[in-house]
Amino acid sequence: MTTRRQGRPRLSGPADSGLPAAEQILEAAARLFVEDGYQATSTRAVAAAVGIRQASLYYHFASKADLLAELLARSVRPSLEAADALLADLPDDDPVAAAARLHALVLADAELLLGTPHNTGALYLLPEIRDERFAAFREERRRLRDAYGRLVAAARPPAGHPAGTEALTDMVLGLVESVIGIRGEGGGADLSALPGAVAEACLRVVGWPDSAAVLAARQPAAARP
């Protein structure tokens, strides 16, 4: 659980970015966790990167695990909220509308993963994630997968697909989360077109080779949240 209180005076250190202290701490933690590794990063190192006392960090986050939990939540919760909105009034027996909403969810999710500070999606693979302290993150990620599964099942075209819904859902999620690795190897390349390409690829996986036709038929309710 994240606890935020007024911190102690800042030590001399990096120039103030203008962000609230808690946001500066999270930004520094994201960079150090990704670059140096979670186990190798101490709260003292995070505090030093921000230019505050270690004790001041604890006014905002009670532990290193709390920092990781908050970063993980920010990498999945907005996509889960988007999925809930897209599923709220999903029409029955309308695979085109479902495919359009699947496209919208993939687009939002991929954009989020590309926009998290310092590619924190890479932290998904940490063995520490299996700890009970990160149960809330695992549950939210499971709920997001279930939302993808509902859209995949509803979006299958009338001709059907030889693969089952579970396999198709895993394929779609694999494509979405591939942006984490692509971003990590990108070397600062412009990846702005990647979410759209991934969304179109996901529609092809489900069985819609002509994504333009699906999007042209998209109903207003399927617009991205």
Protein backbone atom coordinates (compact mmCIF):
# COMPACT_ATOMS: atom_id res chain seq x y z
CA MET A 1 0.00 0.00 0.00
CA THR A 2 1.42 3.38 -1.02
CA THR A 3 1.54 6.04 1.70
CA ARG A 4 2.18 9.66 0.80
CA ARG A 5 3.07 12.30 3.37
CA GLN A 6 5.02 15.48 3.36
CA GLY A 7 8.70 14.63 3.03
CA ARG A 8 11.70 16.01 4.82
CA PRO A 9 13.89 18.71 3.30
CA ARG A 10 15.66 17.74 0.08
CA LEU A 11 19.40 17.11 0.05
CA SER A 12 21.52 18.69 -2.62
CA GLY A 13 21.17 16.52 -5.69
CA PRO A 14 19.55 16.47 -9.12
CA ALA A 15 17.71 19.58 -10.21
CA ASP A 16 14.05 19.64 -9.26
CA SER A 17 12.00 18.47 -12.26
CA GLY A 18 8.88 20.24 -11.03
CA LEU A 19 7.11 16.94 -10.40
CA PRO A 20 5.77 16.12 -6.94
CA ALA A 21 8.27 14.26 -4.79
CA ALA A 22 6.37 10.97 -5.04
CA GLU A 23 6.42 11.15 -8.85
CA GLN A 24 10.15 11.89 -8.86
CA ILE A 25 10.72 8.88 -6.62
CA LEU A 26 8.70 6.63 -8.94
CA GLU A 27 10.53 7.91 -12.00
CA ALA A 28 13.90 7.22 -10.40
CA ALA A 29 12.80 3.80 -9.18
CA ALA A 30 11.56 2.85 -12.65
CA ARG A 31 14.88 3.79 -14.21
CA LEU A 32 16.97 1.98 -11.63
CA PHE A 33 14.78 -1.14 -11.52
CA VAL A 34 14.96 -1.49 -15.31
CA GLU A 35 18.60 -0.52 -15.79
CA ASP A 36 20.22 -2.05 -12.70
CA GLY A 37 17.67 -4.69 -11.66
CA TYR A 38 15.14 -4.76 -8.85
CA GLN A 39 17.23 -6.81 -6.45
CA ALA A 40 20.34 -4.69 -7.05
CA THR A 41 18.51 -1.41 -6.39
CA SER A 42 18.14 -0.16 -2.82
CA THR A 43 15.81 2.50 -1.52
CA ARG A 44 18.96 4.42 -0.61
CA ALA A 45 19.95 4.43 -4.29
CA VAL A 46 16.48 5.61 -5.33
CA ALA A 47 16.58 8.40 -2.76
CA ALA A 48 20.05 9.45 -3.89
CA ALA A 49 18.89 9.58 -7.52
CA VAL A 50 16.13 11.98 -6.52
CA GLY A 51 18.30 13.99 -4.14
CA ILE A 52 16.41 13.29 -0.94
CA ARG A 53 17.17 11.48 2.28
CA GLN A 54 16.30 7.81 2.45
CA ALA A 55 14.04 8.57 5.40
CA SER A 56 12.16 11.08 3.24
CA LEU A 57 11.46 8.40 0.66
CA TYR A 58 9.73 6.38 3.38
CA TYR A 59 7.31 9.27 3.95
CA HIS A 60 5.94 8.48 0.48
CA PHE A 61 6.54 4.74 0.04
CA ALA A 62 6.92 2.35 2.93
CA SER A 63 9.20 -0.08 1.09
CA LYS A 64 10.88 -0.94 -2.19
CA ALA A 65 8.06 -3.42 -2.83
CA ASP A 66 5.55 -0.57 -2.61
CA LEU A 67 7.47 1.28 -5.31
CA LEU A 68 7.37 -1.75 -7.58
CA ALA A 69 3.68 -2.37 -6.86
CA GLU A 70 2.80 1.21 -7.84
CA LEU A 71 4.82 1.05 -11.05
CA LEU A 72 3.21 -2.26 -12.00
CA ALA A 73 -0.28 -0.94 -11.26
CA ARG A 74 0.30 2.05 -13.51
CA SER A 75 1.31 -0.25 -16.35
CA VAL A 76 -1.94 -2.24 -16.32
CA ARG A 77 -4.74 -0.33 -14.55
CA PRO A 78 -5.48 2.22 -17.32
CA SER A 79 -5.79 -0.60 -19.85
CA LEU A 80 -8.13 -2.48 -17.51
CA GLU A 81 -10.29 0.63 -17.17
CA ALA A 82 -10.37 0.97 -20.96
CA ALA A 83 -11.36 -2.69 -21.30
CA ASP A 84 -14.21 -2.28 -18.82
CA ALA A 85 -15.51 0.69 -20.79
CA LEU A 86 -15.30 -1.15 -24.10
CA LEU A 87 -17.12 -4.18 -22.70
CA ALA A 88 -19.81 -2.19 -20.91
CA ASP A 89 -22.30 -2.15 -23.79
CA LEU A 90 -20.80 -4.67 -26.19
CA PRO A 91 -23.55 -5.66 -28.68
CA ASP A 92 -24.55 -9.32 -28.86
CA ASP A 93 -23.78 -11.24 -32.04
CA ASP A 94 -21.90 -8.38 -33.70
CA PRO A 95 -18.37 -9.62 -34.41
CA VAL A 96 -17.49 -6.51 -36.40
CA ALA A 97 -18.24 -4.25 -33.43
CA ALA A 98 -16.31 -6.60 -31.14
CA ALA A 99 -13.34 -6.61 -33.50
CA ALA A 100 -13.37 -2.82 -33.57
CA ARG A 101 -13.35 -2.72 -29.77
CA LEU A 102 -10.56 -5.27 -29.65
CA HIS A 103 -8.58 -2.99 -31.95
CA ALA A 104 -9.28 -0.06 -29.62
CA LEU A 105 -8.14 -1.99 -26.54
CA VAL A 106 -4.94 -3.21 -28.19
CA LEU A 107 -4.18 0.32 -29.33
CA ALA A 108 -4.69 1.77 -25.84
CA ASP A 109 -2.74 -1.02 -24.15
CA ALA A 110 0.22 -0.83 -26.52
CA GLU A 111 0.35 2.95 -26.21
CA LEU A 112 0.38 2.61 -22.41
CA LEU A 113 3.22 0.08 -22.46
CA LEU A 114 5.22 2.32 -24.77
CA GLY A 115 4.56 5.32 -22.54
CA THR A 116 5.42 3.94 -19.12
CA PRO A 117 8.58 5.48 -17.65
CA HIS A 118 11.74 3.60 -18.57
CA ASN A 119 9.86 0.63 -20.06
CA THR A 120 8.54 -0.64 -16.74
CA GLY A 121 6.56 -3.31 -18.58
CA ALA A 122 9.85 -5.22 -18.58
CA LEU A 123 9.33 -5.71 -14.83
CA TYR A 124 6.46 -8.14 -15.57
CA LEU A 125 8.96 -10.98 -15.74
CA LEU A 126 10.53 -10.43 -12.34
CA PRO A 127 10.32 -13.58 -10.18
CA GLU A 128 9.34 -11.35 -7.25
CA ILE A 129 5.98 -10.75 -8.93
CA ARG A 130 4.88 -14.15 -7.62
CA ASP A 131 5.09 -12.83 -4.06
CA GLU A 132 1.82 -12.21 -2.22
CA ARG A 133 2.67 -8.51 -2.01
CA PHE A 134 1.95 -8.26 -5.74
CA ALA A 135 -1.28 -10.24 -5.71
CA ALA A 136 -3.30 -7.13 -6.62
CA PHE A 137 -1.22 -6.63 -9.77
CA ARG A 138 -1.57 -10.28 -10.77
CA GLU A 139 -5.33 -10.06 -10.27
CA GLU A 140 -5.62 -6.92 -12.41
CA ARG A 141 -3.52 -8.51 -15.12
CA ARG A 142 -5.75 -11.61 -15.00
CA ARG A 143 -8.83 -9.43 -15.32
CA LEU A 144 -7.30 -7.67 -18.32
CA ARG A 145 -6.59 -11.03 -19.96
CA ASP A 146 -10.19 -12.08 -19.32
CA ALA A 147 -11.38 -8.87 -21.00
CA TYR A 148 -9.21 -9.63 -24.01
CA GLY A 149 -10.65 -13.14 -24.05
CA ARG A 150 -14.23 -11.85 -24.11
CA LEU A 151 -13.46 -9.53 -27.00
CA VAL A 152 -11.56 -12.20 -28.90
CA ALA A 153 -14.45 -14.64 -28.49
CA ALA A 154 -16.98 -12.03 -29.62
CA ALA A 155 -14.81 -10.84 -32.53
CA ARG A 156 -14.31 -14.17 -34.24
CA PRO A 157 -15.69 -13.80 -37.79
CA PRO A 158 -18.60 -15.93 -39.02
CA ALA A 159 -16.22 -18.26 -40.86
CA GLY A 160 -14.68 -19.18 -37.54
CA HIS A 161 -11.04 -19.83 -36.74
CA PRO A 162 -9.17 -23.12 -36.31
CA ALA A 163 -7.57 -21.99 -33.05
CA GLY A 164 -9.54 -21.87 -29.83
CA THR A 165 -10.35 -18.69 -27.93
CA GLU A 166 -7.73 -19.36 -25.25
CA ALA A 167 -4.96 -19.78 -27.81
CA LEU A 168 -6.08 -16.72 -29.76
CA THR A 169 -6.17 -14.65 -26.58
CA ASP A 170 -2.64 -15.69 -25.71
CA MET A 171 -1.51 -14.81 -29.23
CA VAL A 172 -3.13 -11.38 -29.04
CA LEU A 173 -1.59 -10.69 -25.63
CA GLY A 174 1.77 -11.87 -26.91
CA LEU A 175 1.57 -9.36 -29.74
CA VAL A 176 0.54 -6.55 -27.40
CA GLU A 177 3.32 -7.23 -24.91
CA SER A 178 5.87 -7.64 -27.70
CA VAL A 179 6.09 -3.84 -27.68
CA ILE A 180 7.97 -4.12 -24.38
CA GLY A 181 10.81 -6.02 -26.00
CA ILE A 182 10.71 -3.90 -29.15
CA ARG A 183 10.94 -0.77 -27.03
CA GLY A 184 13.84 -2.24 -25.08
CA GLU A 185 15.77 -2.93 -28.26
CA GLY A 186 14.63 0.21 -30.05
CA GLY A 187 17.56 2.39 -29.12
CA GLY A 188 15.44 5.53 -29.13
CA ALA A 189 13.79 4.76 -32.47
CA ASP A 190 10.45 6.36 -33.28
CA LEU A 191 7.88 3.74 -32.31
CA SER A 192 4.79 5.94 -32.70
CA ALA A 193 3.37 3.76 -35.48
CA LEU A 194 3.86 0.52 -33.53
CA PRO A 195 0.54 0.47 -31.57
CA GLY A 196 -1.48 0.77 -34.77
CA ALA A 197 0.54 -1.96 -36.47
CA VAL A 198 0.09 -4.26 -33.47
CA ALA A 199 -3.66 -3.58 -33.34
CA GLU A 200 -4.03 -4.46 -37.01
CA ALA A 201 -1.94 -7.61 -36.53
CA CYS A 202 -4.21 -8.67 -33.66
CA LEU A 203 -7.27 -8.38 -35.88
CA ARG A 204 -5.58 -10.57 -38.48
CA VAL A 205 -4.76 -13.14 -35.80
CA VAL A 206 -8.42 -13.31 -34.77
CA GLY A 207 -9.50 -13.74 -38.38
CA TRP A 208 -10.06 -10.30 -39.88
CA PRO A 209 -7.43 -9.82 -42.63
CA ASP A 210 -8.99 -6.53 -43.77
CA SER A 211 -8.70 -4.35 -40.68
CA ALA A 212 -9.71 -1.26 -42.68
CA ALA A 213 -13.13 -2.79 -43.34
CA VAL A 214 -13.62 -3.50 -39.65
CA LEU A 215 -12.67 0.01 -38.62
CA ALA A 216 -14.82 1.57 -41.33
CA ALA A 217 -17.82 -0.25 -39.86
CA ARG A 218 -16.97 0.66 -36.29
CA GLN A 219 -19.92 1.98 -34.33
CA PRO A 220 -19.55 5.21 -32.32
CA ALA A 221 -19.78 3.29 -29.03
CA ALA A 222 -16.65 1.39 -29.98
CA ALA A 223 -14.52 4.51 -30.12
CA ARG A 224 -11.44 4.46 -27.94
CA PRO A 225 -12.20 5.54 -24.35
